[in-house]
Amino acid sequence: MQIALPAKIALHARPAGQFVKTASQFQAQVRISVDGKAVDAKSILAVLALGAQGGTVLTLSAEGDDAQAALTALAACVSGLVE
């Protein structure tokens, strides 16, 4: 699943924390990738290391029993991120 970060939002500490908190609610293995670099979406340090800026297209993937629910929740989280 691909989704773009809102134009004025970068994945720095607060938004990344919201994203990781959402991902951690699910049993599925969740990954986020930017420009071909994929990381564990449940790791705050890994998500921060992506350096995603506003407007960046994120690719989300998940595997496991609740994978679809995780992707849906993460897409809603990204769409609703605020500073």
C-alpha atoms as a PDB file:
ATOM      1  CA  MET A   1       0.000   0.000   0.000  1.00  0.00           C
ATOM      2  CA  GLN A   2       1.352   3.435  -0.870  1.00  0.00           C
ATOM      3  CA  ILE A   3       0.409   6.668   0.867  1.00  0.00           C
ATOM      4  CA  ALA A   4       1.961  10.130   0.832  1.00  0.00           C
ATOM      5  CA  LEU A   5       2.835  12.035   3.974  1.00  0.00           C
ATOM      6  CA  PRO A   6       0.839  15.243   4.347  1.00  0.00           C
ATOM      7  CA  ALA A   7       2.730  18.128   2.691  1.00  0.00           C
ATOM      8  CA  LYS A   8       3.784  19.881   5.898  1.00  0.00           C
ATOM      9  CA  ILE A   9       4.554  16.800   7.985  1.00  0.00           C
ATOM     10  CA  ALA A  10       7.922  15.066   8.269  1.00  0.00           C
ATOM     11  CA  LEU A  11       8.409  11.804  10.173  1.00  0.00           C
ATOM     12  CA  HIS A  12      10.341  13.379  13.029  1.00  0.00           C
ATOM     13  CA  ALA A  13       9.902  12.477  16.717  1.00  0.00           C
ATOM     14  CA  ARG A  14       6.218  13.208  17.403  1.00  0.00           C
ATOM     15  CA  PRO A  15       4.671  12.012  14.113  1.00  0.00           C
ATOM     16  CA  ALA A  16       6.997   8.994  14.004  1.00  0.00           C
ATOM     17  CA  GLY A  17       5.982   8.170  17.570  1.00  0.00           C
ATOM     18  CA  GLN A  18       2.306   8.260  16.606  1.00  0.00           C
ATOM     19  CA  PHE A  19       3.012   6.011  13.631  1.00  0.00           C
ATOM     20  CA  VAL A  20       5.037   3.469  15.662  1.00  0.00           C
ATOM     21  CA  LYS A  21       2.408   3.441  18.435  1.00  0.00           C
ATOM     22  CA  THR A  22      -0.261   2.586  15.861  1.00  0.00           C
ATOM     23  CA  ALA A  23       1.879  -0.130  14.232  1.00  0.00           C
ATOM     24  CA  SER A  24       2.650  -1.672  17.617  1.00  0.00           C
ATOM     25  CA  GLN A  25      -1.035  -2.303  18.306  1.00  0.00           C
ATOM     26  CA  PHE A  26      -1.026  -5.167  15.801  1.00  0.00           C
ATOM     27  CA  GLN A  27       0.473  -8.657  15.836  1.00  0.00           C
ATOM     28  CA  ALA A  28       1.344  -8.467  12.136  1.00  0.00           C
ATOM     29  CA  GLN A  29       4.894  -7.809  11.022  1.00  0.00           C
ATOM     30  CA  VAL A  30       4.679  -4.287   9.572  1.00  0.00           C
ATOM     31  CA  ARG A  31       7.272  -2.614   7.346  1.00  0.00           C
ATOM     32  CA  ILE A  32       7.551   0.891   5.968  1.00  0.00           C
ATOM     33  CA  SER A  33       9.766   1.832   3.066  1.00  0.00           C
ATOM     34  CA  VAL A  34      10.913   5.042   1.440  1.00  0.00           C
ATOM     35  CA  ASP A  35      12.883   5.058  -1.812  1.00  0.00           C
ATOM     36  CA  GLY A  36      13.501   1.306  -1.558  1.00  0.00           C
ATOM     37  CA  LYS A  37      14.763   1.368   2.049  1.00  0.00           C
ATOM     38  CA  ALA A  38      12.452  -0.830   4.148  1.00  0.00           C
ATOM     39  CA  VAL A  39      12.441  -0.877   7.954  1.00  0.00           C
ATOM     40  CA  ASP A  40      10.421  -2.304  10.841  1.00  0.00           C
ATOM     41  CA  ALA A  41       7.449   0.040  11.381  1.00  0.00           C
ATOM     42  CA  LYS A  42       7.425  -0.806  15.095  1.00  0.00           C
ATOM     43  CA  SER A  43      10.920   0.631  15.671  1.00  0.00           C
ATOM     44  CA  ILE A  44      11.014   4.369  16.378  1.00  0.00           C
ATOM     45  CA  LEU A  45      14.721   4.599  15.544  1.00  0.00           C
ATOM     46  CA  ALA A  46      14.268   2.797  12.231  1.00  0.00           C
ATOM     47  CA  VAL A  47      11.314   4.997  11.244  1.00  0.00           C
ATOM     48  CA  LEU A  48      13.230   8.158  12.179  1.00  0.00           C
ATOM     49  CA  ALA A  49      16.233   6.961  10.160  1.00  0.00           C
ATOM     50  CA  LEU A  50      14.126   6.995   6.994  1.00  0.00           C
ATOM     51  CA  GLY A  51      14.142  10.796   7.130  1.00  0.00           C
ATOM     52  CA  ALA A  52      10.797  11.036   5.351  1.00  0.00           C
ATOM     53  CA  GLN A  53       9.737  14.607   4.585  1.00  0.00           C
ATOM     54  CA  GLY A  54       6.333  16.060   3.761  1.00  0.00           C
ATOM     55  CA  GLY A  55       4.944  14.733   0.507  1.00  0.00           C
ATOM     56  CA  THR A  56       7.154  11.637   0.563  1.00  0.00           C
ATOM     57  CA  VAL A  57       5.418   8.495  -0.689  1.00  0.00           C
ATOM     58  CA  LEU A  58       5.554   5.747   1.917  1.00  0.00           C
ATOM     59  CA  THR A  59       5.109   2.094   1.041  1.00  0.00           C
ATOM     60  CA  LEU A  60       3.477   0.080   3.821  1.00  0.00           C
ATOM     61  CA  SER A  61       3.396  -3.700   3.958  1.00  0.00           C
ATOM     62  CA  ALA A  62       2.222  -6.172   6.575  1.00  0.00           C
ATOM     63  CA  GLU A  63       2.150  -9.926   7.061  1.00  0.00           C
ATOM     64  CA  GLY A  64       0.112 -11.802   9.636  1.00  0.00           C
ATOM     65  CA  ASP A  65      -3.417 -12.425  10.865  1.00  0.00           C
ATOM     66  CA  ASP A  66      -4.314  -8.753  11.309  1.00  0.00           C
ATOM     67  CA  ALA A  67      -2.248  -7.405   8.409  1.00  0.00           C
ATOM     68  CA  GLN A  68      -5.138  -5.750   6.570  1.00  0.00           C
ATOM     69  CA  ALA A  69      -6.381  -4.056   9.756  1.00  0.00           C
ATOM     70  CA  ALA A  70      -2.846  -2.833  10.445  1.00  0.00           C
ATOM     71  CA  LEU A  71      -2.499  -1.326   6.966  1.00  0.00           C
ATOM     72  CA  THR A  72      -5.888   0.368   7.215  1.00  0.00           C
ATOM     73  CA  ALA A  73      -5.046   1.839  10.630  1.00  0.00           C
ATOM     74  CA  LEU A  74      -1.605   3.012   9.493  1.00  0.00           C
ATOM     75  CA  ALA A  75      -3.007   4.670   6.372  1.00  0.00           C
ATOM     76  CA  ALA A  76      -5.497   6.543   8.576  1.00  0.00           C
ATOM     77  CA  CYS A  77      -2.690   7.444  10.975  1.00  0.00           C
ATOM     78  CA  VAL A  78      -0.507   8.877   8.183  1.00  0.00           C
ATOM     79  CA  SER A  79      -3.419  10.861   6.760  1.00  0.00           C
ATOM     80  CA  GLY A  80      -4.147  12.327  10.186  1.00  0.00           C
ATOM     81  CA  LEU A  81      -0.588  13.155  11.290  1.00  0.00           C
ATOM     82  CA  VAL A  82      -0.063  16.583  12.793  1.00  0.00           C
ATOM     83  CA  GLU A  83       3.037  18.332  14.104  1.00  0.00           C
END
